[in-house]
Protein backbone atom coordinates (compact mmCIF):
# COMPACT_ATOMS: atom_id res chain seq x y z
CA MET A 1 -20.10 -84.92 22.86
CA SER A 2 -17.05 -84.06 20.76
CA ALA A 3 -16.69 -85.30 17.19
CA PRO A 4 -15.21 -88.81 16.86
CA VAL A 5 -11.43 -89.00 16.47
CA TRP A 6 -9.72 -91.68 14.40
CA ILE A 7 -6.05 -92.30 15.25
CA THR A 8 -3.78 -94.47 13.10
CA ALA A 9 -0.27 -95.77 13.64
CA THR A 10 1.85 -97.08 10.79
CA PRO A 11 1.57 -100.89 10.62
CA PRO A 12 4.93 -102.45 11.56
CA THR A 13 6.65 -104.91 9.26
CA PRO A 14 6.75 -108.41 10.81
CA ASN A 15 10.31 -109.12 9.68
CA GLY A 16 11.55 -109.01 13.26
CA ASP A 17 10.53 -108.22 16.81
CA LEU A 18 9.51 -104.71 17.81
CA HIS A 19 12.43 -102.72 19.19
CA VAL A 20 12.52 -99.82 21.62
CA GLY A 21 12.70 -97.39 18.70
CA HIS A 22 9.25 -98.55 17.57
CA LEU A 23 7.81 -97.83 21.02
CA ALA A 24 9.50 -94.42 21.10
CA GLY A 25 7.92 -93.70 17.71
CA PRO A 26 4.23 -94.05 16.85
CA TYR A 27 2.83 -96.79 19.10
CA VAL A 28 3.07 -95.57 22.71
CA ALA A 29 2.51 -91.95 21.63
CA GLY A 30 -0.67 -92.84 19.75
CA ASP A 31 -1.86 -94.77 22.78
CA VAL A 32 -1.29 -91.70 24.98
CA LEU A 33 -3.53 -89.60 22.75
CA ARG A 34 -6.19 -92.31 22.63
CA ARG A 35 -6.27 -92.68 26.41
CA PHE A 36 -6.44 -88.94 27.00
CA LEU A 37 -9.29 -88.41 24.55
CA ALA A 38 -11.24 -91.40 25.90
CA THR A 39 -11.11 -90.12 29.49
CA ASP A 40 -12.27 -86.74 28.15
CA GLY A 41 -15.43 -88.35 26.84
CA VAL A 42 -14.41 -88.25 23.18
CA GLU A 43 -15.38 -91.14 20.93
CA VAL A 44 -11.98 -92.34 19.77
CA ARG A 45 -10.68 -95.25 17.71
CA TYR A 46 -7.01 -96.26 17.50
CA THR A 47 -6.05 -98.58 14.66
CA THR A 48 -3.03 -100.17 13.03
CA GLY A 49 -2.23 -103.43 11.28
CA LEU A 50 0.56 -105.80 10.41
CA ASP A 51 2.43 -104.97 7.21
CA ASP A 52 2.62 -108.61 6.11
CA HIS A 53 3.16 -107.89 2.44
CA GLN A 54 6.33 -105.84 2.82
CA SER A 55 9.16 -107.33 0.75
CA TYR A 56 11.31 -107.16 3.89
CA VAL A 57 9.33 -110.17 5.15
CA PRO A 58 10.40 -112.72 2.46
CA VAL A 59 13.91 -111.19 2.36
CA ARG A 60 14.19 -111.88 6.10
CA GLY A 61 13.23 -115.49 5.40
CA LEU A 62 15.87 -115.82 2.66
CA LYS A 63 18.55 -114.38 4.94
CA ASP A 64 17.49 -116.68 7.77
CA GLY A 65 18.17 -119.77 5.70
CA GLY A 66 15.07 -120.36 3.66
CA ARG A 67 12.08 -119.67 5.91
CA THR A 68 8.95 -118.80 3.97
CA GLY A 69 7.46 -115.35 4.07
CA GLU A 70 4.40 -116.80 5.78
CA GLU A 71 6.53 -118.31 8.55
CA VAL A 72 8.37 -115.03 9.09
CA ALA A 73 5.18 -112.93 9.14
CA ASP A 74 3.27 -115.29 11.43
CA GLY A 75 6.08 -115.67 13.95
CA TYR A 76 7.02 -112.03 14.25
CA GLY A 77 3.40 -110.87 13.94
CA ALA A 78 2.53 -112.86 17.07
CA SER A 79 5.56 -111.38 18.85
CA ILE A 80 4.61 -107.82 17.88
CA THR A 81 1.06 -108.12 19.20
CA ARG A 82 2.35 -109.58 22.48
CA VAL A 83 4.70 -106.62 22.92
CA TRP A 84 1.86 -104.17 22.37
CA GLN A 85 -0.08 -105.89 25.11
CA GLN A 86 2.90 -105.94 27.48
CA ALA A 87 3.52 -102.25 26.81
CA GLU A 88 -0.14 -101.42 27.56
CA VAL A 89 -0.65 -100.17 23.98
CA ALA A 90 -4.35 -100.77 23.43
CA PHE A 91 -5.49 -100.75 19.81
CA ASP A 92 -9.17 -100.86 18.97
CA ARG A 93 -8.37 -102.66 15.73
CA VAL A 94 -5.33 -104.43 14.29
CA VAL A 95 -5.76 -105.30 10.60
CA ARG A 96 -4.21 -108.64 9.61
CA PRO A 97 -4.01 -108.63 5.80
CA ARG A 98 -3.47 -112.34 5.20
CA GLU A 99 -6.18 -113.47 7.62
CA GLU A 100 -9.17 -111.25 6.89
CA ASP A 101 -11.77 -112.23 4.32
CA GLY A 102 -12.26 -109.56 1.72
CA TYR A 103 -9.06 -107.64 2.40
CA LEU A 104 -7.26 -108.68 -0.79
CA ALA A 105 -10.33 -107.94 -2.90
CA HIS A 106 -10.62 -104.53 -1.21
CA VAL A 107 -7.04 -103.59 -2.18
CA GLN A 108 -7.41 -105.04 -5.67
CA ASP A 109 -10.62 -103.11 -6.24
CA PHE A 110 -8.97 -99.88 -5.07
CA LEU A 111 -6.20 -100.31 -7.65
CA LEU A 112 -8.56 -101.42 -10.42
CA ARG A 113 -10.86 -98.42 -9.89
CA LEU A 114 -7.91 -96.04 -10.04
CA HIS A 115 -6.79 -97.70 -13.27
CA ASP A 116 -10.23 -97.63 -14.83
CA ALA A 117 -10.55 -93.93 -13.95
CA GLY A 118 -7.24 -93.21 -15.73
CA HIS A 119 -5.29 -92.34 -12.58
CA VAL A 120 -3.05 -95.43 -12.83
CA VAL A 121 -1.25 -95.95 -16.11
CA ALA A 122 1.19 -98.43 -17.67
CA ARG A 123 4.80 -97.34 -18.15
CA THR A 124 7.76 -99.25 -19.60
CA ARG A 125 10.81 -98.22 -17.63
CA PRO A 126 14.10 -99.70 -16.41
CA LEU A 127 14.17 -101.83 -13.28
CA PRO A 128 17.16 -103.58 -11.66
CA TYR A 129 17.37 -107.35 -12.10
CA CYS A 130 19.51 -110.00 -10.38
CA THR A 131 20.58 -112.74 -12.78
CA PRO A 132 21.88 -115.22 -10.14
CA CYS A 133 18.65 -114.93 -8.11
CA GLU A 134 16.47 -114.65 -11.24
CA ARG A 135 14.54 -111.86 -9.52
CA TRP A 136 13.49 -108.31 -10.27
CA LEU A 137 14.90 -105.99 -7.63
CA TYR A 138 12.82 -103.39 -5.82
CA GLU A 139 12.34 -102.22 -2.24
CA ALA A 140 13.99 -104.69 0.21
CA TYR A 141 15.55 -106.75 -2.59
CA LEU A 142 17.59 -103.76 -3.75
CA THR A 143 20.23 -101.52 -2.21
CA GLY A 144 22.21 -98.63 -3.64
CA LYS A 145 22.76 -94.90 -3.27
CA CYS A 146 19.82 -92.52 -3.07
CA PRO A 147 19.60 -90.29 -6.18
CA HIS A 148 18.52 -87.35 -3.98
CA CYS A 149 20.85 -87.39 -0.96
CA GLY A 150 23.47 -90.04 -1.79
CA SER A 151 22.77 -92.09 1.34
CA SER A 152 22.57 -95.86 1.33
CA SER A 153 19.00 -96.69 0.36
CA ASN A 154 16.73 -99.54 -0.51
CA GLY A 155 14.49 -99.42 -3.53
CA ASN A 156 11.45 -97.14 -3.86
CA ALA A 157 12.18 -94.85 -0.89
CA CYS A 158 15.14 -93.51 1.07
CA GLU A 159 14.92 -93.60 4.87
CA PRO A 160 17.39 -90.76 5.62
CA CYS A 161 15.89 -88.11 3.33
CA GLY A 162 12.37 -89.53 2.97
CA ARG A 163 12.28 -89.11 -0.84
CA PRO A 164 10.93 -91.76 -3.23
CA ASN A 165 13.05 -93.31 -5.99
CA ASP A 166 12.29 -95.44 -9.04
CA CYS A 167 14.79 -98.22 -8.20
CA ALA A 168 16.79 -97.95 -11.45
CA ASP A 169 17.91 -94.45 -10.48
CA LEU A 170 19.81 -95.74 -7.43
CA GLY A 171 23.56 -95.46 -7.70
CA GLU A 172 25.53 -98.73 -7.61
CA PRO A 173 22.41 -100.95 -7.37
CA ARG A 174 22.95 -104.39 -5.87
CA CYS A 175 20.88 -107.39 -4.87
CA THR A 176 20.55 -107.43 -1.07
CA VAL A 177 20.18 -111.21 -1.00
CA CYS A 178 23.33 -112.26 -2.89
CA GLY A 179 25.20 -108.95 -3.24
CA THR A 180 25.52 -109.16 -7.04
CA PRO A 181 25.55 -105.85 -8.96
CA ALA A 182 22.19 -105.43 -10.65
CA GLU A 183 21.47 -105.46 -14.35
CA ILE A 184 19.13 -102.78 -15.63
CA ARG A 185 16.33 -104.12 -17.82
CA ASP A 186 13.13 -102.63 -19.13
CA THR A 187 9.81 -103.86 -17.82
CA THR A 188 6.24 -102.56 -17.85
CA ARG A 189 4.62 -101.67 -14.55
CA LEU A 190 1.66 -99.64 -13.30
CA TYR A 191 2.35 -96.07 -12.22
CA PHE A 192 0.42 -93.39 -10.35
CA PRO A 193 1.31 -89.87 -11.57
CA LEU A 194 1.31 -87.44 -8.65
CA ALA A 195 1.66 -84.20 -10.64
CA PRO A 196 -2.07 -83.85 -11.49
CA PHE A 197 -2.75 -83.58 -7.74
CA THR A 198 -0.22 -80.85 -7.01
CA ASP A 199 -2.77 -78.10 -6.36
CA ARG A 200 -4.99 -80.39 -4.26
CA LEU A 201 -2.01 -81.46 -2.17
CA LYS A 202 -0.77 -77.90 -1.66
CA ALA A 203 -4.23 -76.85 -0.47
CA PHE A 204 -4.30 -79.82 1.91
CA TRP A 205 -0.85 -79.10 3.31
CA ALA A 206 -1.88 -75.50 4.00
CA THR A 207 -4.51 -76.71 6.48
CA ALA A 208 -3.00 -79.91 7.92
CA ASP A 209 -1.23 -79.87 11.30
CA MET A 210 2.25 -81.14 10.41
CA PRO A 211 5.83 -80.44 11.57
CA PRO A 212 8.21 -78.20 9.59
CA HIS A 213 10.51 -81.07 8.62
CA LEU A 214 7.66 -82.80 6.83
CA ARG A 215 6.55 -79.52 5.22
CA LEU A 216 10.09 -79.08 3.92
CA LEU A 217 9.99 -82.54 2.33
CA CYS A 218 6.69 -81.71 0.63
CA ASP A 219 8.03 -78.36 -0.61
CA GLN A 220 11.16 -80.01 -2.01
CA MET A 221 9.15 -82.62 -3.88
CA VAL A 222 6.88 -80.00 -5.42
CA ALA A 223 9.85 -77.84 -6.38
CA ASP A 224 11.42 -80.78 -8.19
CA GLY A 225 8.12 -81.80 -9.80
CA LEU A 226 5.98 -84.52 -8.25
CA PRO A 227 7.01 -87.87 -9.78
CA GLU A 228 5.16 -90.87 -11.08
CA ILE A 229 5.15 -93.66 -8.51
CA ALA A 230 5.33 -97.35 -9.41
CA VAL A 231 2.37 -99.06 -7.75
CA SER A 232 3.10 -102.59 -9.00
CA HIS A 233 6.19 -104.78 -9.28
CA PRO A 234 6.88 -108.16 -10.90
CA GLY A 235 7.12 -110.52 -7.94
CA GLU A 236 5.52 -113.31 -5.95
CA TRP A 237 4.87 -111.75 -2.52
CA GLY A 238 1.99 -109.41 -1.82
CA VAL A 239 -1.47 -108.60 -3.14
CA PRO A 240 -1.91 -109.95 -6.71
CA VAL A 241 -2.77 -107.28 -9.26
CA THR A 242 -6.04 -107.83 -11.16
CA VAL A 243 -5.56 -105.11 -13.80
CA PRO A 244 -5.62 -106.98 -17.14
CA GLY A 245 -2.13 -107.67 -18.45
CA PHE A 246 -0.47 -107.26 -15.04
CA GLU A 247 -1.71 -110.38 -13.26
CA ASP A 248 1.89 -111.57 -12.71
CA GLN A 249 2.65 -108.49 -10.62
CA ARG A 250 2.02 -107.54 -7.02
CA ALA A 251 0.74 -104.26 -5.61
CA TYR A 252 3.47 -102.05 -4.18
CA VAL A 253 3.03 -102.47 -0.44
CA TRP A 254 2.99 -98.73 0.29
CA PHE A 255 0.22 -98.37 -2.27
CA GLU A 256 -1.60 -101.21 -0.47
CA MET A 257 -1.41 -99.32 2.82
CA ALA A 258 -3.66 -96.52 1.54
CA PRO A 259 -6.73 -98.75 1.16
CA GLY A 260 -5.39 -100.82 4.06
CA TYR A 261 -5.98 -97.94 6.46
CA LEU A 262 -9.57 -97.74 5.22
CA TRP A 263 -10.26 -101.46 5.64
CA GLU A 264 -11.31 -101.17 9.26
CA LEU A 265 -14.04 -98.66 8.36
CA PRO A 266 -17.62 -99.75 7.62
CA GLU A 267 -18.09 -100.59 3.95
CA GLN A 268 -20.54 -97.73 3.38
CA GLN A 269 -18.00 -95.19 4.67
CA ARG A 270 -15.28 -96.66 2.44
CA GLU A 271 -17.47 -96.60 -0.64
CA LYS A 272 -18.64 -93.02 -0.15
CA GLY A 273 -15.34 -91.61 1.09
CA ASP A 274 -17.19 -90.60 4.24
CA TRP A 275 -14.63 -91.10 6.97
CA PRO A 276 -13.38 -88.91 9.84
CA ALA A 277 -10.18 -86.99 9.19
CA PRO A 278 -7.57 -89.13 10.94
CA VAL A 279 -4.69 -88.20 13.21
CA GLN A 280 -1.76 -90.23 11.87
CA PHE A 281 1.33 -91.27 13.82
CA PHE A 282 4.45 -92.34 11.89
CA GLY A 283 8.20 -91.90 11.58
CA PHE A 284 9.71 -89.28 9.28
CA ASP A 285 10.99 -91.99 6.94
CA ASN A 286 7.31 -92.75 6.20
CA GLY A 287 6.45 -89.08 5.75
CA TYR A 288 6.22 -88.94 1.94
CA PHE A 289 3.77 -91.83 1.88
CA HIS A 290 1.41 -90.27 4.41
CA ALA A 291 1.67 -86.63 3.34
CA VAL A 292 1.93 -87.03 -0.44
CA LEU A 293 1.06 -90.47 -1.84
CA PHE A 294 -1.90 -91.46 0.34
CA PRO A 295 -3.73 -88.09 0.21
CA ALA A 296 -3.36 -88.06 -3.59
CA LEU A 297 -4.72 -91.61 -3.86
CA TYR A 298 -7.70 -90.79 -1.63
CA ALA A 299 -8.38 -87.56 -3.54
CA ALA A 300 -8.26 -89.44 -6.86
CA LEU A 301 -11.12 -91.76 -5.90
CA HIS A 302 -13.00 -89.52 -3.46
CA PRO A 303 -12.33 -85.81 -4.18
CA ARG A 304 -14.43 -84.71 -1.17
CA ALA A 305 -13.06 -87.26 1.31
CA ALA A 306 -11.57 -85.96 4.54
CA LEU A 307 -7.78 -85.97 4.48
CA PRO A 308 -5.77 -86.25 7.73
CA ARG A 309 -6.23 -83.43 10.23
CA ALA A 310 -2.83 -83.94 11.84
CA PHE A 311 0.45 -85.77 11.29
CA VAL A 312 2.36 -86.65 14.46
CA VAL A 313 5.86 -87.41 13.25
CA ASN A 314 8.87 -88.76 15.11
CA GLU A 315 12.45 -88.58 13.92
CA PHE A 316 14.84 -91.54 14.19
CA TYR A 317 15.60 -93.02 17.60
CA ARG A 318 19.24 -94.04 17.67
CA LEU A 319 21.25 -96.72 19.45
CA ASP A 320 25.01 -96.33 19.71
CA GLY A 321 24.89 -93.54 17.14
CA LEU A 322 23.00 -95.56 14.52
CA LYS A 323 19.30 -95.76 13.71
CA PHE A 324 17.39 -98.64 15.29
CA SER A 325 16.90 -101.17 12.51
CA THR A 326 14.98 -104.44 12.50
CA SER A 327 16.33 -105.57 9.13
CA ARG A 328 19.96 -104.95 10.22
CA ARG A 329 19.31 -106.37 13.72
CA HIS A 330 20.66 -103.19 15.32
CA ALA A 331 18.23 -102.86 18.20
CA VAL A 332 17.31 -103.28 21.84
CA TRP A 333 14.26 -105.50 21.54
CA ALA A 334 11.13 -104.19 23.22
CA HIS A 335 10.25 -107.49 24.88
CA GLU A 336 13.68 -107.57 26.54
CA ALA A 337 13.40 -103.95 27.72
CA LEU A 338 9.89 -104.61 29.04
CA ALA A 339 11.09 -107.69 30.92
CA GLU A 340 13.86 -105.61 32.50
CA ALA A 341 11.93 -102.44 33.26
CA GLY A 342 8.18 -103.05 32.99
CA SER A 343 5.67 -100.96 31.08
CA ASP A 344 5.60 -97.92 33.40
CA ILE A 345 9.33 -97.29 33.35
CA LEU A 346 9.76 -97.98 29.64
CA ARG A 347 6.76 -95.87 28.62
CA HIS A 348 7.91 -92.97 30.81
CA HIS A 349 11.39 -93.26 29.34
CA VAL A 350 10.54 -93.45 25.64
CA LEU A 351 8.04 -90.61 25.95
CA ALA A 352 10.46 -88.38 27.86
CA ASP A 353 13.16 -89.24 25.30
CA ARG A 354 10.83 -89.20 22.29
CA PRO A 355 12.63 -88.07 19.09
CA ASN A 356 10.29 -85.15 18.51
CA GLY A 357 11.79 -82.68 16.04
CA ARG A 358 15.28 -84.12 16.49
CA GLN A 359 16.95 -87.49 16.73
CA THR A 360 17.54 -88.85 20.22
CA SER A 361 19.51 -91.86 21.40
CA PHE A 362 18.70 -94.74 23.73
CA THR A 363 21.10 -96.06 26.33
CA ARG A 364 20.50 -98.56 29.08
CA ALA A 365 22.17 -96.16 31.52
CA ASP A 366 19.51 -93.56 30.71
CA LEU A 367 16.79 -96.17 31.18
CA GLU A 368 18.25 -96.98 34.58
CA ARG A 369 18.09 -93.30 35.49
CA THR A 370 14.39 -93.33 34.64
CA ARG A 371 13.94 -96.35 36.92
CA THR A 372 15.73 -94.46 39.70
CA LEU A 373 13.52 -91.40 39.17
CA LEU A 374 10.34 -93.42 39.53
CA THR A 375 11.72 -95.38 42.47
CA THR A 376 13.04 -92.47 44.52
CA GLN A 377 10.80 -89.57 43.49
CA TRP A 378 7.45 -91.05 42.52
CA ASN A 379 7.30 -94.21 44.63
CA GLY A 380 9.36 -92.68 47.45
CA TRP A 381 6.81 -89.91 47.93
CA LEU A 382 3.84 -92.29 47.76
CA GLU A 383 5.44 -94.74 50.21
CA ARG A 384 6.10 -91.94 52.72
CA LEU A 385 2.56 -90.62 52.27
CA PHE A 386 0.78 -93.95 52.79
CA ALA A 387 3.05 -94.84 55.71
CA ALA A 388 2.30 -91.50 57.37
CA VAL A 389 -1.46 -92.04 56.94
CA ALA A 390 -1.13 -95.51 58.48
CA ARG A 391 0.91 -94.18 61.40
CA ASP A 392 -0.74 -90.84 62.10
CA SER A 393 -4.35 -91.28 60.94
CA ASP A 394 -5.10 -94.89 61.78
CA GLY A 395 -4.79 -95.91 58.13
CA ARG A 396 -7.71 -93.73 57.08
CA VAL A 397 -8.09 -90.53 55.12
CA PRO A 398 -7.83 -87.77 57.72
CA ALA A 399 -10.89 -85.75 58.63
CA GLU A 400 -8.86 -82.55 58.35
CA ARG A 401 -9.18 -80.85 54.97
CA PRO A 402 -6.36 -79.03 53.17
CA GLU A 403 -6.10 -75.36 54.05
CA GLY A 404 -3.73 -72.46 54.42
CA PRO A 405 -1.58 -70.38 52.06
CA ALA A 406 0.87 -73.19 51.26
CA TRP A 407 -1.92 -75.45 50.02
CA GLN A 408 -3.55 -72.61 48.13
CA ARG A 409 -0.28 -71.91 46.31
CA LEU A 410 0.28 -75.59 45.55
CA ARG A 411 -3.26 -76.03 44.30
CA ALA A 412 -3.04 -72.92 42.09
CA ARG A 413 0.24 -74.20 40.66
CA LEU A 414 -1.28 -77.62 39.96
CA GLU A 415 -4.31 -76.08 38.28
CA ARG A 416 -1.95 -74.26 35.93
CA THR A 417 -0.03 -77.50 35.44
CA VAL A 418 -3.08 -79.53 34.46
CA ALA A 419 -4.14 -76.86 31.96
CA GLU A 420 -0.74 -77.17 30.28
CA LEU A 421 -0.88 -80.95 30.62
CA ARG A 422 -4.19 -81.04 28.77
CA GLU A 423 -2.62 -79.03 25.97
CA SER A 424 0.35 -81.42 25.81
CA TYR A 425 -2.00 -84.42 25.65
CA GLY A 426 -4.37 -82.89 23.06
CA VAL A 427 -4.27 -83.24 19.28
CA GLU A 428 -3.27 -79.66 18.46
CA GLY A 429 -0.48 -79.31 21.04
CA PHE A 430 0.48 -82.97 21.35
CA ASP A 431 3.85 -83.14 23.10
CA PRO A 432 4.41 -86.21 25.28
CA ARG A 433 7.91 -85.04 26.24
CA ARG A 434 6.34 -81.99 27.88
CA ALA A 435 3.56 -84.08 29.41
CA VAL A 436 6.08 -86.34 31.16
CA ALA A 437 8.03 -83.30 32.40
CA LEU A 438 4.82 -81.82 33.85
CA LEU A 439 4.02 -85.08 35.63
CA ASP A 440 7.53 -85.17 37.09
CA GLU A 441 7.06 -81.56 38.26
CA THR A 442 3.76 -82.50 39.90
CA VAL A 443 5.36 -85.30 41.88
CA ALA A 444 8.38 -83.18 42.81
CA GLY A 445 6.11 -80.40 44.10
CA ALA A 446 3.98 -82.80 46.12
CA SER A 447 7.07 -84.48 47.54
CA ASP A 448 8.54 -81.12 48.58
CA PHE A 449 5.22 -80.16 50.17
CA GLY A 450 5.30 -83.39 52.15
CA TYR A 451 8.86 -82.84 53.40
CA VAL A 452 8.14 -79.24 54.41
CA HIS A 453 4.95 -80.05 56.31
CA ALA A 454 6.26 -83.22 57.98
CA TYR A 455 7.52 -80.92 60.76
CA GLU A 456 3.89 -80.15 61.64
CA ARG A 457 3.60 -83.63 63.09
CA ASP A 458 5.20 -82.59 66.37
CA ARG A 459 4.06 -78.95 66.30
CA SER A 460 0.41 -79.32 65.23
CA PRO A 461 -0.89 -82.84 64.57
CA ALA A 462 -4.08 -81.45 63.01
CA ALA A 463 -2.10 -79.34 60.54
CA HIS A 464 0.06 -82.38 59.81
CA ARG A 465 -3.01 -84.47 59.00
CA ALA A 466 -4.40 -81.68 56.81
CA ALA A 467 -1.12 -81.72 54.88
CA LEU A 468 -1.48 -85.49 54.43
CA THR A 469 -4.98 -84.95 53.03
CA ALA A 470 -3.57 -82.36 50.64
CA GLN A 471 -1.03 -84.87 49.35
CA LEU A 472 -3.76 -87.50 48.98
CA ALA A 473 -5.61 -85.02 46.78
CA VAL A 474 -2.51 -84.68 44.61
CA ALA A 475 -2.08 -88.45 44.52
CA GLY A 476 -5.70 -88.82 43.40
CA ALA A 477 -5.15 -86.28 40.64
CA LEU A 478 -1.93 -88.04 39.63
CA SER A 479 -3.81 -91.32 39.24
CA ALA A 480 -5.84 -89.60 36.50
CA TRP A 481 -3.23 -87.27 35.05
CA ALA A 482 -0.54 -89.94 34.64
CA ALA A 483 -2.88 -92.60 33.22
CA PRO A 484 -2.21 -91.81 29.53
CA VAL A 485 1.55 -92.15 30.12
CA MET A 486 1.68 -95.00 32.66
CA PRO A 487 -1.72 -96.72 32.69
CA ALA A 488 -0.66 -99.70 34.81
CA GLY A 489 0.80 -97.67 37.68
CA ALA A 490 -1.97 -95.07 37.51
CA ALA A 491 -4.58 -97.82 37.83
CA ARG A 492 -2.77 -99.25 40.87
CA LEU A 493 -2.68 -95.82 42.49
CA ALA A 494 -6.38 -95.23 41.82
CA ALA A 495 -7.21 -98.60 43.38
CA LEU A 496 -5.12 -97.81 46.48
CA LEU A 497 -7.01 -94.53 46.91
CA GLY A 498 -10.41 -96.06 46.20
CA GLU A 499 -10.85 -93.88 43.12
CA ASP A 500 -12.27 -94.83 39.74
CA ALA A 501 -9.79 -95.45 36.97
CA GLY A 502 -10.25 -93.54 33.73
CA ARG A 503 -11.14 -90.15 35.22
CA ALA A 504 -10.55 -87.06 33.12
CA VAL A 505 -7.28 -85.15 33.11
CA ASP A 506 -8.58 -81.95 34.67
CA ALA A 507 -8.64 -79.98 37.92
CA THR A 508 -11.79 -81.71 39.23
CA THR A 509 -9.68 -84.74 40.16
CA LEU A 510 -7.61 -82.58 42.53
CA THR A 511 -10.00 -83.43 45.37
CA PRO A 512 -9.20 -85.30 48.61
CA PRO A 513 -10.74 -88.74 49.10
CA PRO A 514 -13.65 -88.85 51.54
CA ALA A 515 -12.65 -88.56 55.19
CA GLY A 516 -12.40 -91.89 56.95
CA ARG A 517 -11.83 -93.97 53.82
CA PRO A 518 -9.45 -96.83 54.73
CA LEU A 519 -6.15 -96.86 52.83
CA THR A 520 -3.71 -99.73 52.50
CA VAL A 521 0.04 -99.24 52.45
CA PRO A 522 1.16 -100.46 49.00
CA GLY A 523 2.88 -103.82 49.13
CA ARG A 524 4.79 -103.21 45.91
CA PRO A 525 6.02 -100.19 43.96
CA VAL A 526 3.07 -98.26 42.59
CA PHE A 527 4.84 -97.17 39.40
CA GLY A 528 7.19 -99.71 37.84
CA ASP A 529 7.85 -103.35 38.60
């Protein structure tokens, strides 16, 4: 049995519905890895949460006309979990911060222990303030120009360049709620200095599996000197700070996420720092948190704790040339896309179009082309195959077994394909874009084989039936190989063939069903709705 694998996906902020960009980012991709590892016999756990304490939640309520943060988080949290279910994204654990007994105390204890150990310190520094709103401005409450790249940015971190900021260093800072230019006032907050962990972080980065773009961000931050990060803010939303003298402040939500990831682990593992090195899925805009802040926080409390083994990072998914954005309501909502296309089509599409190493862009015309591909190529081949079995083999798996040079070549090609598919599904070579392309190649090859050998029907009925059996072998393999990408359709195909769902992605599944097994012509599309 392989070592257990822990997969995490960044908890989404419940300030709006999930959009297609979210599905193209961490959630479906993490589910693909989880499903592949599980069918391979690996003990795997896939976890996330709801980022209830993000300041974007109460800001959404203010912009919507006075809804409370609780109302916003509860409503959109329920919507997000429904979309995961509709998209066949199966988490083993979803942490709900405001509902779970002990969660707040867990986060508070994490911060207090860091403070007591001298890793978190008090600093009096400037922070923007909005006089009309009578509110300190940070994160979602604040907008301005990033001090590193000049892009429009909220407080604490810049999405375009991924670098942190200290709020008061934003150019032209304004209140996002009322638009008033901010005043700059001094206030005392808790800070976590990153510089003492520079060597530990550099050693970690040397061994972690991470993309070059994220490595570049880490290198740039080290070159400029790792900053001190504010881990508390004066406010009313979030986890109350219990460090003496700071009880009127709330924990910075991205600080909260570090212990938040650990919450789903058994208490003994959390206390000892004895947890499996996770594989973490997130967008590049969250890269600094996962690659710099969180590892430093873990190392501060548990110097021997396992840090992540791999970061699977997506770039921005765009819509009409702009980044998908929940807060700006620039999105195609996932529940609408799922209602239009179904889980198979949408999962195939966002994985084939995944912004891996570069930004990609969603269009409904492209989604329609994916629907056409599954309808004509995938379902077209399967419909012809099952109809031919019904017509020419009395609706049963033929007794004739695959044979001949054409089958030998096809089988050899598919054995090479599944070896590459396993690599594309695995942790080290994870590449769902390539996996989807390989699945499409498998179907195209089987479809071509079927067209070529259909002429045997009049020339040699036995050879024709053997060719049908060969295609049934490919269909059986496809029901296993495609399951991580399109679990609903793959399960339907397995049921039609009388095969078990959840078989491994390997060459052993490339075996014809038993001769004489009755097969039913599908009454609906196998893949897609």
